[in-house]
Amino acid sequence: MEDLARDKVLLPRDFTDEVGALVVPRTTPGGLPIARGRTFGTVQEMLALIGAGKGVCLVPAHARRYDSRPDVTYVPIHDGRPFEWRLVWLTSAESARVRAFAQAASDYVRLRPDPLMGP
């Protein structure tokens, strides 16, 4: 986490300041400031900014599998908070299908072993 003070951290354009602070703290554990860089709208834009040397971005470990590029390196962060996914939807779009999907996703996560945690 201390290494984050060496560069600017990119955040999604639609993150509020509060959400951005939850994802990336304003300071390292040692108290060094973590500068914010440019914002991005898509994963492709984020990767282009990183590839151009405009900053770094915290992503979940599985991103390496889906978003590899020759100009981007993924470096594990061992002393950061765990990344957690959440399922969200518009209240006005809630339906029996949405609730069933949310329940199935919740059951799947609860019942399967975490491949990143090992045996």
N, C-alpha and C. Protein backbone atom coordinates (compact mmCIF):
# COMPACT_ATOMS: atom_id res chain seq x y z
N MET A 1 0.82 -1.20 0.00
CA MET A 1 0.00 0.00 0.00
C MET A 1 0.87 1.27 0.00
N GLU A 2 2.04 1.19 0.60
CA GLU A 2 2.92 2.37 0.60
C GLU A 2 3.32 2.77 -0.81
N ASP A 3 3.42 1.80 -1.72
CA ASP A 3 3.81 2.09 -3.10
C ASP A 3 2.79 2.96 -3.83
N LEU A 4 1.55 3.00 -3.36
CA LEU A 4 0.55 3.83 -4.02
C LEU A 4 0.89 5.32 -3.95
N ALA A 5 1.73 5.71 -3.00
CA ALA A 5 2.12 7.11 -2.88
C ALA A 5 3.10 7.52 -3.99
N ARG A 6 3.62 6.57 -4.74
CA ARG A 6 4.59 6.88 -5.80
C ARG A 6 3.96 7.36 -7.10
N ASP A 7 2.67 7.14 -7.27
CA ASP A 7 2.03 7.44 -8.55
C ASP A 7 0.63 7.99 -8.29
N LYS A 8 -0.03 8.39 -9.34
CA LYS A 8 -1.42 8.84 -9.22
C LYS A 8 -2.33 7.63 -9.43
N VAL A 9 -3.37 7.56 -8.62
CA VAL A 9 -4.33 6.46 -8.70
C VAL A 9 -5.53 6.91 -9.53
N LEU A 10 -5.84 6.12 -10.54
CA LEU A 10 -6.99 6.40 -11.41
C LEU A 10 -8.25 5.82 -10.77
N LEU A 11 -9.35 6.54 -10.91
CA LEU A 11 -10.64 6.07 -10.39
C LEU A 11 -11.71 6.25 -11.45
N PRO A 12 -12.74 5.42 -11.40
CA PRO A 12 -13.85 5.58 -12.35
C PRO A 12 -14.49 6.96 -12.24
N ARG A 13 -14.89 7.49 -13.35
CA ARG A 13 -15.48 8.83 -13.44
C ARG A 13 -16.73 8.96 -12.60
N ASP A 14 -17.50 7.88 -12.47
CA ASP A 14 -18.77 7.98 -11.74
C ASP A 14 -18.65 7.73 -10.25
N PHE A 15 -17.44 7.56 -9.74
CA PHE A 15 -17.26 7.41 -8.29
C PHE A 15 -17.40 8.77 -7.61
N THR A 16 -18.17 8.81 -6.54
CA THR A 16 -18.18 10.02 -5.72
C THR A 16 -16.89 10.05 -4.90
N ASP A 17 -16.60 11.18 -4.28
CA ASP A 17 -15.40 11.26 -3.43
C ASP A 17 -15.46 10.23 -2.30
N GLU A 18 -16.66 10.02 -1.76
CA GLU A 18 -16.81 9.07 -0.65
C GLU A 18 -16.52 7.64 -1.11
N VAL A 19 -17.05 7.25 -2.27
CA VAL A 19 -16.81 5.90 -2.78
C VAL A 19 -15.33 5.74 -3.14
N GLY A 20 -14.75 6.75 -3.76
CA GLY A 20 -13.33 6.70 -4.10
C GLY A 20 -12.46 6.50 -2.87
N ALA A 21 -12.82 7.15 -1.76
CA ALA A 21 -12.05 7.00 -0.52
C ALA A 21 -12.21 5.61 0.08
N LEU A 22 -13.35 4.96 -0.16
CA LEU A 22 -13.53 3.59 0.32
C LEU A 22 -12.68 2.61 -0.48
N VAL A 23 -12.56 2.85 -1.79
CA VAL A 23 -11.79 1.97 -2.66
C VAL A 23 -10.29 2.21 -2.49
N VAL A 24 -9.90 3.46 -2.48
CA VAL A 24 -8.49 3.84 -2.33
C VAL A 24 -8.41 4.88 -1.21
N PRO A 25 -7.77 4.53 -0.11
CA PRO A 25 -7.68 5.51 0.98
C PRO A 25 -6.91 6.76 0.55
N ARG A 26 -7.08 7.85 1.24
CA ARG A 26 -6.41 9.11 0.89
C ARG A 26 -4.92 9.09 1.29
N THR A 27 -4.58 8.21 2.24
CA THR A 27 -3.19 8.10 2.66
C THR A 27 -2.81 6.63 2.78
N THR A 28 -1.51 6.37 2.71
CA THR A 28 -1.01 5.02 2.91
C THR A 28 -1.05 4.71 4.41
N PRO A 29 -0.88 3.46 4.80
CA PRO A 29 -0.84 3.14 6.24
C PRO A 29 0.23 3.95 6.99
N GLY A 30 1.32 4.32 6.30
CA GLY A 30 2.38 5.12 6.91
C GLY A 30 2.12 6.61 6.90
N GLY A 31 0.97 7.03 6.33
CA GLY A 31 0.59 8.44 6.35
C GLY A 31 0.96 9.24 5.10
N LEU A 32 1.55 8.60 4.08
CA LEU A 32 1.88 9.32 2.86
C LEU A 32 0.61 9.55 2.04
N PRO A 33 0.47 10.71 1.42
CA PRO A 33 -0.73 10.97 0.61
C PRO A 33 -0.75 10.11 -0.65
N ILE A 34 -1.94 9.67 -1.01
CA ILE A 34 -2.15 8.93 -2.26
C ILE A 34 -2.86 9.88 -3.22
N ALA A 35 -2.13 10.32 -4.24
CA ALA A 35 -2.67 11.30 -5.18
C ALA A 35 -3.67 10.65 -6.12
N ARG A 36 -4.69 11.41 -6.46
CA ARG A 36 -5.68 10.97 -7.45
C ARG A 36 -5.22 11.43 -8.82
N GLY A 37 -5.41 10.57 -9.81
CA GLY A 37 -5.08 10.92 -11.18
C GLY A 37 -6.34 11.17 -11.98
N ARG A 38 -6.25 10.97 -13.26
CA ARG A 38 -7.39 11.17 -14.14
C ARG A 38 -8.47 10.14 -13.85
N THR A 39 -9.66 10.45 -14.29
CA THR A 39 -10.77 9.51 -14.15
C THR A 39 -10.99 8.84 -15.51
N PHE A 40 -11.71 7.72 -15.47
CA PHE A 40 -11.98 6.98 -16.70
C PHE A 40 -13.42 6.50 -16.69
N GLY A 41 -13.92 6.20 -17.89
CA GLY A 41 -15.30 5.75 -18.02
C GLY A 41 -15.45 4.27 -18.30
N THR A 42 -14.43 3.64 -18.88
CA THR A 42 -14.50 2.23 -19.23
C THR A 42 -13.21 1.52 -18.84
N VAL A 43 -13.25 0.21 -18.79
CA VAL A 43 -12.05 -0.57 -18.50
C VAL A 43 -11.00 -0.32 -19.58
N GLN A 44 -11.43 -0.24 -20.83
CA GLN A 44 -10.50 0.00 -21.93
C GLN A 44 -9.81 1.34 -21.77
N GLU A 45 -10.54 2.37 -21.36
CA GLU A 45 -9.95 3.68 -21.13
C GLU A 45 -8.97 3.63 -19.97
N MET A 46 -9.32 2.91 -18.91
CA MET A 46 -8.42 2.76 -17.77
C MET A 46 -7.11 2.11 -18.21
N LEU A 47 -7.21 1.02 -18.97
CA LEU A 47 -6.01 0.32 -19.41
C LEU A 47 -5.16 1.19 -20.32
N ALA A 48 -5.79 1.99 -21.18
CA ALA A 48 -5.04 2.89 -22.06
C ALA A 48 -4.30 3.95 -21.24
N LEU A 49 -4.94 4.48 -20.21
CA LEU A 49 -4.28 5.47 -19.35
C LEU A 49 -3.10 4.85 -18.62
N ILE A 50 -3.28 3.65 -18.10
CA ILE A 50 -2.18 2.96 -17.41
C ILE A 50 -1.06 2.68 -18.40
N GLY A 51 -1.39 2.16 -19.57
CA GLY A 51 -0.39 1.86 -20.59
C GLY A 51 0.38 3.09 -21.04
N ALA A 52 -0.26 4.25 -20.97
CA ALA A 52 0.39 5.51 -21.35
C ALA A 52 1.16 6.13 -20.20
N GLY A 53 1.19 5.44 -19.05
CA GLY A 53 1.94 5.96 -17.91
C GLY A 53 1.26 7.07 -17.14
N LYS A 54 -0.07 7.15 -17.24
CA LYS A 54 -0.82 8.22 -16.58
C LYS A 54 -1.23 7.89 -15.15
N GLY A 55 -0.97 6.67 -14.69
CA GLY A 55 -1.32 6.32 -13.32
C GLY A 55 -1.47 4.83 -13.14
N VAL A 56 -1.97 4.47 -11.97
CA VAL A 56 -2.21 3.07 -11.60
C VAL A 56 -3.66 2.95 -11.15
N CYS A 57 -4.15 1.72 -11.08
CA CYS A 57 -5.53 1.52 -10.63
C CYS A 57 -5.60 0.20 -9.87
N LEU A 58 -6.32 0.19 -8.77
CA LEU A 58 -6.54 -1.04 -8.02
C LEU A 58 -7.67 -1.82 -8.67
N VAL A 59 -7.42 -3.08 -8.97
CA VAL A 59 -8.42 -3.95 -9.58
C VAL A 59 -8.37 -5.29 -8.87
N PRO A 60 -9.45 -6.08 -8.95
CA PRO A 60 -9.42 -7.41 -8.34
C PRO A 60 -8.44 -8.33 -9.08
N ALA A 61 -7.96 -9.35 -8.39
CA ALA A 61 -6.94 -10.25 -8.92
C ALA A 61 -7.33 -10.89 -10.24
N HIS A 62 -8.59 -11.21 -10.43
CA HIS A 62 -8.99 -11.89 -11.66
C HIS A 62 -8.93 -10.99 -12.90
N ALA A 63 -8.73 -9.69 -12.75
CA ALA A 63 -8.66 -8.80 -13.90
C ALA A 63 -7.51 -9.18 -14.83
N ARG A 64 -6.44 -9.70 -14.28
CA ARG A 64 -5.29 -10.13 -15.09
C ARG A 64 -5.72 -11.15 -16.14
N ARG A 65 -6.64 -12.01 -15.77
CA ARG A 65 -7.10 -13.06 -16.67
C ARG A 65 -7.91 -12.51 -17.85
N TYR A 66 -8.67 -11.45 -17.62
CA TYR A 66 -9.58 -10.95 -18.64
C TYR A 66 -9.09 -9.72 -19.38
N ASP A 67 -8.22 -8.95 -18.77
CA ASP A 67 -7.82 -7.66 -19.34
C ASP A 67 -6.32 -7.54 -19.49
N SER A 68 -5.68 -8.55 -20.06
CA SER A 68 -4.23 -8.49 -20.21
C SER A 68 -3.86 -7.65 -21.43
N ARG A 69 -2.79 -6.91 -21.29
CA ARG A 69 -2.24 -6.08 -22.37
C ARG A 69 -0.72 -6.07 -22.20
N PRO A 70 0.02 -5.96 -23.29
CA PRO A 70 1.48 -5.98 -23.19
C PRO A 70 2.06 -4.75 -22.49
N ASP A 71 1.30 -3.65 -22.43
CA ASP A 71 1.81 -2.43 -21.81
C ASP A 71 1.30 -2.23 -20.38
N VAL A 72 0.64 -3.24 -19.82
CA VAL A 72 0.10 -3.14 -18.46
C VAL A 72 0.59 -4.34 -17.64
N THR A 73 1.08 -4.05 -16.45
CA THR A 73 1.54 -5.10 -15.54
C THR A 73 0.63 -5.12 -14.31
N TYR A 74 0.26 -6.30 -13.89
CA TYR A 74 -0.56 -6.47 -12.69
C TYR A 74 0.37 -6.87 -11.54
N VAL A 75 0.30 -6.13 -10.45
CA VAL A 75 1.16 -6.37 -9.29
C VAL A 75 0.25 -6.65 -8.09
N PRO A 76 0.41 -7.81 -7.46
CA PRO A 76 -0.43 -8.11 -6.28
C PRO A 76 -0.17 -7.13 -5.14
N ILE A 77 -1.23 -6.80 -4.43
CA ILE A 77 -1.12 -5.98 -3.22
C ILE A 77 -1.48 -6.89 -2.06
N HIS A 78 -0.51 -7.18 -1.23
CA HIS A 78 -0.73 -8.14 -0.15
C HIS A 78 -1.19 -7.49 1.17
N ASP A 79 -1.00 -6.17 1.29
CA ASP A 79 -1.35 -5.53 2.55
C ASP A 79 -2.56 -4.61 2.43
N GLY A 80 -3.36 -4.78 1.36
CA GLY A 80 -4.56 -3.98 1.18
C GLY A 80 -5.79 -4.69 1.70
N ARG A 81 -6.88 -3.96 1.71
CA ARG A 81 -8.16 -4.57 2.11
C ARG A 81 -8.62 -5.52 1.02
N PRO A 82 -9.33 -6.57 1.38
CA PRO A 82 -9.86 -7.48 0.35
C PRO A 82 -10.86 -6.74 -0.54
N PHE A 83 -10.87 -7.12 -1.80
CA PHE A 83 -11.82 -6.55 -2.76
C PHE A 83 -13.13 -7.31 -2.65
N GLU A 84 -14.23 -6.62 -2.52
CA GLU A 84 -15.53 -7.27 -2.40
C GLU A 84 -16.44 -6.80 -3.52
N TRP A 85 -17.16 -7.73 -4.10
CA TRP A 85 -18.13 -7.42 -5.14
C TRP A 85 -19.51 -7.27 -4.51
N ARG A 86 -20.31 -6.44 -5.13
CA ARG A 86 -21.70 -6.25 -4.72
C ARG A 86 -22.57 -6.28 -5.97
N LEU A 87 -23.74 -6.82 -5.85
CA LEU A 87 -24.71 -6.83 -6.94
C LEU A 87 -25.71 -5.71 -6.67
N VAL A 88 -25.88 -4.82 -7.63
CA VAL A 88 -26.81 -3.69 -7.46
C VAL A 88 -27.71 -3.61 -8.68
N TRP A 89 -28.88 -3.03 -8.49
CA TRP A 89 -29.80 -2.80 -9.58
C TRP A 89 -30.70 -1.64 -9.21
N LEU A 90 -31.34 -1.07 -10.22
CA LEU A 90 -32.27 0.03 -9.99
C LEU A 90 -33.50 -0.50 -9.25
N THR A 91 -33.93 0.21 -8.25
CA THR A 91 -35.12 -0.18 -7.50
C THR A 91 -36.31 -0.33 -8.44
N SER A 92 -36.42 0.58 -9.40
CA SER A 92 -37.56 0.53 -10.32
C SER A 92 -37.50 -0.67 -11.27
N ALA A 93 -36.34 -1.31 -11.38
CA ALA A 93 -36.19 -2.47 -12.27
C ALA A 93 -36.29 -3.79 -11.52
N GLU A 94 -36.53 -3.74 -10.22
CA GLU A 94 -36.60 -4.98 -9.44
C GLU A 94 -37.79 -5.81 -9.89
N SER A 95 -37.55 -7.10 -10.01
CA SER A 95 -38.59 -8.03 -10.43
C SER A 95 -38.31 -9.38 -9.79
N ALA A 96 -39.21 -10.32 -9.99
CA ALA A 96 -38.98 -11.67 -9.47
C ALA A 96 -37.72 -12.28 -10.08
N ARG A 97 -37.46 -12.02 -11.35
CA ARG A 97 -36.24 -12.55 -12.00
C ARG A 97 -34.98 -11.95 -11.39
N VAL A 98 -35.00 -10.65 -11.13
CA VAL A 98 -33.84 -9.99 -10.53
C VAL A 98 -33.59 -10.56 -9.13
N ARG A 99 -34.64 -10.70 -8.34
CA ARG A 99 -34.49 -11.25 -6.99
C ARG A 99 -34.00 -12.69 -7.04
N ALA A 100 -34.48 -13.49 -7.99
CA ALA A 100 -34.04 -14.88 -8.13
C ALA A 100 -32.56 -14.93 -8.52
N PHE A 101 -32.15 -14.05 -9.43
CA PHE A 101 -30.74 -14.02 -9.82
C PHE A 101 -29.87 -13.62 -8.63
N ALA A 102 -30.29 -12.60 -7.90
CA ALA A 102 -29.52 -12.15 -6.73
C ALA A 102 -29.41 -13.28 -5.71
N GLN A 103 -30.47 -14.02 -5.50
CA GLN A 103 -30.43 -15.15 -4.55
C GLN A 103 -29.49 -16.24 -5.06
N ALA A 104 -29.57 -16.57 -6.35
CA ALA A 104 -28.69 -17.60 -6.92
C ALA A 104 -27.23 -17.18 -6.82
N ALA A 105 -26.92 -15.91 -7.11
CA ALA A 105 -25.55 -15.42 -7.00
C ALA A 105 -25.06 -15.48 -5.56
N SER A 106 -25.92 -15.09 -4.63
CA SER A 106 -25.57 -15.13 -3.22
C SER A 106 -25.31 -16.56 -2.76
N ASP A 107 -26.17 -17.48 -3.15
CA ASP A 107 -25.99 -18.90 -2.80
C ASP A 107 -24.69 -19.45 -3.37
N TYR A 108 -24.40 -19.10 -4.62
CA TYR A 108 -23.18 -19.59 -5.27
C TYR A 108 -21.94 -19.13 -4.51
N VAL A 109 -21.89 -17.85 -4.18
CA VAL A 109 -20.73 -17.31 -3.47
C VAL A 109 -20.62 -17.92 -2.08
N ARG A 110 -21.73 -18.08 -1.41
CA ARG A 110 -21.71 -18.62 -0.05
C ARG A 110 -21.28 -20.09 -0.01
N LEU A 111 -21.64 -20.87 -1.03
CA LEU A 111 -21.41 -22.31 -1.00
C LEU A 111 -20.12 -22.76 -1.67
N ARG A 112 -19.54 -21.96 -2.54
CA ARG A 112 -18.33 -22.42 -3.24
C ARG A 112 -17.09 -21.98 -2.49
N PRO A 113 -16.04 -22.80 -2.55
CA PRO A 113 -14.78 -22.40 -1.94
C PRO A 113 -14.15 -21.25 -2.73
N ASP A 114 -13.47 -20.37 -2.06
CA ASP A 114 -12.82 -19.24 -2.70
C ASP A 114 -11.50 -19.71 -3.32
N PRO A 115 -11.37 -19.66 -4.65
CA PRO A 115 -10.15 -20.16 -5.29
C PRO A 115 -8.91 -19.33 -4.95
N LEU A 116 -9.10 -18.07 -4.55
CA LEU A 116 -7.95 -17.24 -4.20
C LEU A 116 -7.43 -17.50 -2.78
N MET A 117 -8.25 -18.18 -1.96
CA MET A 117 -7.85 -18.44 -0.58
C MET A 117 -7.11 -19.76 -0.43
N GLY A 118 -7.12 -20.60 -1.47
CA GLY A 118 -6.43 -21.87 -1.37
C GLY A 118 -7.27 -22.93 -0.68
N PRO A 119 -6.71 -24.16 -0.55
CA PRO A 119 -7.49 -25.26 0.06
C PRO A 119 -7.71 -25.06 1.55
